Structures are given as structure tokens and as C-alpha cells.
Amino acid sequence: MILMSDKFTEKQGQYLAFIDSYMVMYGRAPAEADLQRFFGTTPPTIHQMILKLEEKGLISRVPGQARSIKILVDPDEIPRLKRSG
């Protein structure tokens, strides 16, 4: 059995939780700018996290297509989103 902590870090889990919550609320994936506002970090940091999540097989996306993120993690494994800050 693979433990959740073996698949992604706590920070990566929070990104997955935000993406999942955003999709539930708005019916579409967040833009990188939405992630930037929530996490209070820079565009390059957000972009690197998206690339890392994709590299680890936790999300997929269509290159060049905005808001194309799809979560590839079982919904039961996505942690609860914590308030930023």
C-alpha cells in the first residue's frame, strides 16, 4: 500500500486541495493567477509547482490550453484545504 505522504508533500497536497476546491466551486480548473493569489507567491513558483505536480503524475494538463488541469489523485487522498497565511 502506498501512503499518501509517499505520493506528494504536504505543500503539494495543499495545491491539489486548492485545485479540487476551486473546481467544485467554479466548475473549471483555476488559472495560475488564482493559485498565486491564494498562496501569496510568485508566478514562477506557481508554475514550477504545476510542473512538479504534473511530473509526479498527480495532475495532467493540455499544454497551451488555459485552465486545463485535471487531478489524477483519488479524491479520498486529497487533503483538506487549510487557510492560507
N, C-alpha and C. Protein backbone atom coordinates (compact mmCIF):
# COMPACT_ATOMS: atom_id res chain seq x y z
N MET A 1 0.85 -1.19 0.00
CA MET A 1 0.00 0.00 0.00
C MET A 1 0.89 1.25 0.00
N ILE A 2 0.60 2.17 -0.89
CA ILE A 2 1.36 3.41 -0.97
C ILE A 2 0.68 4.45 -0.10
N LEU A 3 1.44 5.02 0.81
CA LEU A 3 0.89 6.06 1.68
C LEU A 3 0.82 7.38 0.94
N MET A 4 -0.17 8.19 1.30
CA MET A 4 -0.35 9.50 0.67
C MET A 4 0.93 10.31 0.75
N SER A 5 1.61 10.25 1.89
CA SER A 5 2.83 11.04 2.07
C SER A 5 3.95 10.59 1.12
N ASP A 6 3.84 9.36 0.60
CA ASP A 6 4.82 8.89 -0.37
C ASP A 6 4.54 9.43 -1.76
N LYS A 7 3.31 9.87 -2.00
CA LYS A 7 2.93 10.37 -3.32
C LYS A 7 3.20 11.86 -3.48
N PHE A 8 2.96 12.62 -2.41
CA PHE A 8 3.15 14.06 -2.51
C PHE A 8 3.41 14.66 -1.14
N THR A 9 4.08 15.82 -1.16
CA THR A 9 4.40 16.51 0.09
C THR A 9 3.15 17.23 0.62
N GLU A 10 3.25 17.74 1.83
CA GLU A 10 2.12 18.48 2.41
C GLU A 10 1.78 19.71 1.55
N LYS A 11 2.82 20.42 1.09
CA LYS A 11 2.58 21.61 0.26
C LYS A 11 1.92 21.21 -1.06
N GLN A 12 2.41 20.15 -1.68
CA GLN A 12 1.80 19.68 -2.92
C GLN A 12 0.35 19.27 -2.68
N GLY A 13 0.09 18.68 -1.54
CA GLY A 13 -1.27 18.30 -1.16
C GLY A 13 -2.18 19.51 -1.05
N GLN A 14 -1.63 20.61 -0.54
CA GLN A 14 -2.43 21.84 -0.43
C GLN A 14 -2.74 22.42 -1.81
N TYR A 15 -1.82 22.31 -2.73
CA TYR A 15 -2.09 22.75 -4.10
C TYR A 15 -3.18 21.89 -4.72
N LEU A 16 -3.09 20.57 -4.52
CA LEU A 16 -4.14 19.68 -5.03
C LEU A 16 -5.49 20.01 -4.38
N ALA A 17 -5.48 20.29 -3.08
CA ALA A 17 -6.72 20.62 -2.37
C ALA A 17 -7.32 21.91 -2.91
N PHE A 18 -6.47 22.91 -3.19
CA PHE A 18 -6.98 24.16 -3.74
C PHE A 18 -7.58 23.94 -5.12
N ILE A 19 -6.86 23.20 -5.97
CA ILE A 19 -7.36 22.93 -7.32
C ILE A 19 -8.70 22.22 -7.25
N ASP A 20 -8.78 21.20 -6.39
CA ASP A 20 -10.02 20.44 -6.24
C ASP A 20 -11.16 21.33 -5.73
N SER A 21 -10.91 22.13 -4.70
CA SER A 21 -11.93 23.02 -4.15
C SER A 21 -12.39 24.05 -5.18
N TYR A 22 -11.44 24.59 -5.91
CA TYR A 22 -11.77 25.59 -6.93
C TYR A 22 -12.67 24.97 -8.00
N MET A 23 -12.34 23.75 -8.39
CA MET A 23 -13.14 23.08 -9.42
C MET A 23 -14.55 22.80 -8.93
N VAL A 24 -14.70 22.46 -7.67
CA VAL A 24 -16.03 22.23 -7.10
C VAL A 24 -16.82 23.54 -7.10
N MET A 25 -16.18 24.63 -6.70
CA MET A 25 -16.87 25.92 -6.59
C MET A 25 -17.19 26.55 -7.95
N TYR A 26 -16.27 26.47 -8.89
CA TYR A 26 -16.43 27.21 -10.14
C TYR A 26 -16.65 26.35 -11.38
N GLY A 27 -16.55 25.03 -11.24
CA GLY A 27 -16.80 24.14 -12.36
C GLY A 27 -15.72 24.15 -13.42
N ARG A 28 -14.57 24.68 -13.09
CA ARG A 28 -13.43 24.69 -14.01
C ARG A 28 -12.15 24.77 -13.19
N ALA A 29 -11.05 24.45 -13.83
CA ALA A 29 -9.76 24.48 -13.14
C ALA A 29 -9.33 25.93 -12.90
N PRO A 30 -8.55 26.16 -11.85
CA PRO A 30 -8.05 27.51 -11.60
C PRO A 30 -6.96 27.90 -12.60
N ALA A 31 -6.83 29.19 -12.82
CA ALA A 31 -5.69 29.71 -13.57
C ALA A 31 -4.51 29.80 -12.61
N GLU A 32 -3.31 29.87 -13.13
CA GLU A 32 -2.14 30.02 -12.27
C GLU A 32 -2.25 31.28 -11.42
N ALA A 33 -2.89 32.32 -11.95
CA ALA A 33 -3.08 33.56 -11.18
C ALA A 33 -3.97 33.33 -9.95
N ASP A 34 -4.94 32.43 -10.05
CA ASP A 34 -5.79 32.10 -8.89
C ASP A 34 -4.96 31.43 -7.80
N LEU A 35 -4.08 30.53 -8.21
CA LEU A 35 -3.19 29.86 -7.26
C LEU A 35 -2.24 30.88 -6.62
N GLN A 36 -1.75 31.79 -7.43
CA GLN A 36 -0.83 32.82 -6.94
C GLN A 36 -1.50 33.67 -5.87
N ARG A 37 -2.74 34.09 -6.11
CA ARG A 37 -3.46 34.91 -5.13
C ARG A 37 -3.68 34.15 -3.83
N PHE A 38 -4.09 32.90 -3.92
CA PHE A 38 -4.38 32.13 -2.71
C PHE A 38 -3.12 31.85 -1.90
N PHE A 39 -2.07 31.41 -2.56
CA PHE A 39 -0.85 31.02 -1.86
C PHE A 39 0.10 32.18 -1.61
N GLY A 40 -0.17 33.33 -2.20
CA GLY A 40 0.63 34.52 -1.95
C GLY A 40 2.07 34.37 -2.39
N THR A 41 2.26 33.78 -3.54
CA THR A 41 3.62 33.55 -4.03
C THR A 41 3.76 34.06 -5.46
N THR A 42 4.92 33.87 -6.05
CA THR A 42 5.22 34.45 -7.36
C THR A 42 4.77 33.54 -8.51
N PRO A 43 4.55 34.11 -9.69
CA PRO A 43 4.19 33.29 -10.85
C PRO A 43 5.19 32.17 -11.14
N PRO A 44 6.52 32.42 -11.08
CA PRO A 44 7.44 31.31 -11.34
C PRO A 44 7.30 30.17 -10.32
N THR A 45 7.04 30.52 -9.07
CA THR A 45 6.87 29.49 -8.03
C THR A 45 5.64 28.63 -8.33
N ILE A 46 4.55 29.28 -8.70
CA ILE A 46 3.32 28.56 -9.04
C ILE A 46 3.56 27.65 -10.24
N HIS A 47 4.19 28.19 -11.26
CA HIS A 47 4.43 27.42 -12.47
C HIS A 47 5.31 26.20 -12.18
N GLN A 48 6.34 26.38 -11.37
CA GLN A 48 7.21 25.25 -11.02
C GLN A 48 6.43 24.18 -10.24
N MET A 49 5.52 24.59 -9.37
CA MET A 49 4.71 23.62 -8.63
C MET A 49 3.80 22.86 -9.58
N ILE A 50 3.19 23.54 -10.52
CA ILE A 50 2.33 22.87 -11.51
C ILE A 50 3.14 21.85 -12.30
N LEU A 51 4.33 22.24 -12.73
CA LEU A 51 5.20 21.31 -13.46
C LEU A 51 5.56 20.11 -12.59
N LYS A 52 5.85 20.33 -11.32
CA LYS A 52 6.21 19.24 -10.40
C LYS A 52 5.03 18.28 -10.20
N LEU A 53 3.83 18.85 -10.01
CA LEU A 53 2.63 18.01 -9.83
C LEU A 53 2.39 17.15 -11.08
N GLU A 54 2.62 17.76 -12.23
CA GLU A 54 2.44 17.03 -13.49
C GLU A 54 3.51 15.95 -13.64
N GLU A 55 4.75 16.29 -13.32
CA GLU A 55 5.87 15.35 -13.41
C GLU A 55 5.64 14.13 -12.52
N LYS A 56 5.03 14.35 -11.35
CA LYS A 56 4.77 13.25 -10.41
C LYS A 56 3.51 12.46 -10.76
N GLY A 57 2.81 12.88 -11.82
CA GLY A 57 1.60 12.15 -12.23
C GLY A 57 0.39 12.44 -11.37
N LEU A 58 0.42 13.57 -10.66
CA LEU A 58 -0.70 13.93 -9.77
C LEU A 58 -1.77 14.74 -10.51
N ILE A 59 -1.35 15.43 -11.57
CA ILE A 59 -2.29 16.17 -12.42
C ILE A 59 -1.90 15.96 -13.87
N SER A 60 -2.82 16.28 -14.76
CA SER A 60 -2.49 16.34 -16.18
C SER A 60 -3.03 17.68 -16.67
N ARG A 61 -2.50 18.14 -17.78
CA ARG A 61 -2.99 19.37 -18.39
C ARG A 61 -2.65 19.36 -19.87
N VAL A 62 -3.33 20.20 -20.61
CA VAL A 62 -3.10 20.32 -22.04
C VAL A 62 -2.19 21.52 -22.26
N PRO A 63 -0.96 21.29 -22.76
CA PRO A 63 -0.04 22.41 -22.98
C PRO A 63 -0.66 23.50 -23.86
N GLY A 64 -0.51 24.74 -23.43
CA GLY A 64 -1.02 25.87 -24.19
C GLY A 64 -2.50 26.14 -24.02
N GLN A 65 -3.20 25.28 -23.28
CA GLN A 65 -4.63 25.47 -23.05
C GLN A 65 -4.85 25.92 -21.61
N ALA A 66 -5.43 27.10 -21.45
CA ALA A 66 -5.68 27.64 -20.11
C ALA A 66 -6.70 26.80 -19.36
N ARG A 67 -6.53 26.72 -18.05
CA ARG A 67 -7.47 26.04 -17.15
C ARG A 67 -7.75 24.59 -17.56
N SER A 68 -6.70 23.89 -17.96
CA SER A 68 -6.87 22.51 -18.43
C SER A 68 -6.41 21.47 -17.41
N ILE A 69 -6.16 21.88 -16.16
CA ILE A 69 -5.67 20.95 -15.14
C ILE A 69 -6.74 19.92 -14.80
N LYS A 70 -6.32 18.67 -14.74
CA LYS A 70 -7.18 17.58 -14.27
C LYS A 70 -6.42 16.86 -13.16
N ILE A 71 -7.08 16.62 -12.05
CA ILE A 71 -6.45 15.92 -10.93
C ILE A 71 -6.51 14.42 -11.19
N LEU A 72 -5.38 13.74 -11.00
CA LEU A 72 -5.28 12.30 -11.24
C LEU A 72 -5.20 11.51 -9.93
N VAL A 73 -5.43 12.19 -8.82
CA VAL A 73 -5.36 11.58 -7.49
C VAL A 73 -6.77 11.20 -7.06
N ASP A 74 -6.92 10.05 -6.40
CA ASP A 74 -8.21 9.65 -5.85
C ASP A 74 -8.71 10.77 -4.93
N PRO A 75 -9.95 11.22 -5.10
CA PRO A 75 -10.47 12.30 -4.27
C PRO A 75 -10.34 12.06 -2.77
N ASP A 76 -10.40 10.79 -2.36
CA ASP A 76 -10.26 10.47 -0.93
C ASP A 76 -8.85 10.71 -0.41
N GLU A 77 -7.88 10.85 -1.29
CA GLU A 77 -6.49 11.07 -0.88
C GLU A 77 -6.10 12.54 -0.86
N ILE A 78 -6.98 13.39 -1.35
CA ILE A 78 -6.68 14.82 -1.37
C ILE A 78 -6.94 15.38 0.03
N PRO A 79 -5.95 16.04 0.62
CA PRO A 79 -6.13 16.55 1.98
C PRO A 79 -7.12 17.72 2.00
N ARG A 80 -7.54 18.05 3.18
CA ARG A 80 -8.43 19.19 3.37
C ARG A 80 -7.63 20.49 3.18
N LEU A 81 -8.21 21.45 2.48
CA LEU A 81 -7.56 22.73 2.24
C LEU A 81 -7.50 23.54 3.53
N LYS A 82 -6.32 24.07 3.82
CA LYS A 82 -6.14 24.92 5.00
C LYS A 82 -6.09 26.37 4.55
N ARG A 83 -6.50 27.27 5.43
CA ARG A 83 -6.43 28.70 5.11
C ARG A 83 -4.99 29.10 4.84
N SER A 84 -4.83 29.93 3.84
CA SER A 84 -3.50 30.43 3.51
C SER A 84 -3.12 31.53 4.50
N GLY A 85 -1.83 31.63 4.78
CA GLY A 85 -1.34 32.70 5.65
C GLY A 85 -1.36 32.27 7.06
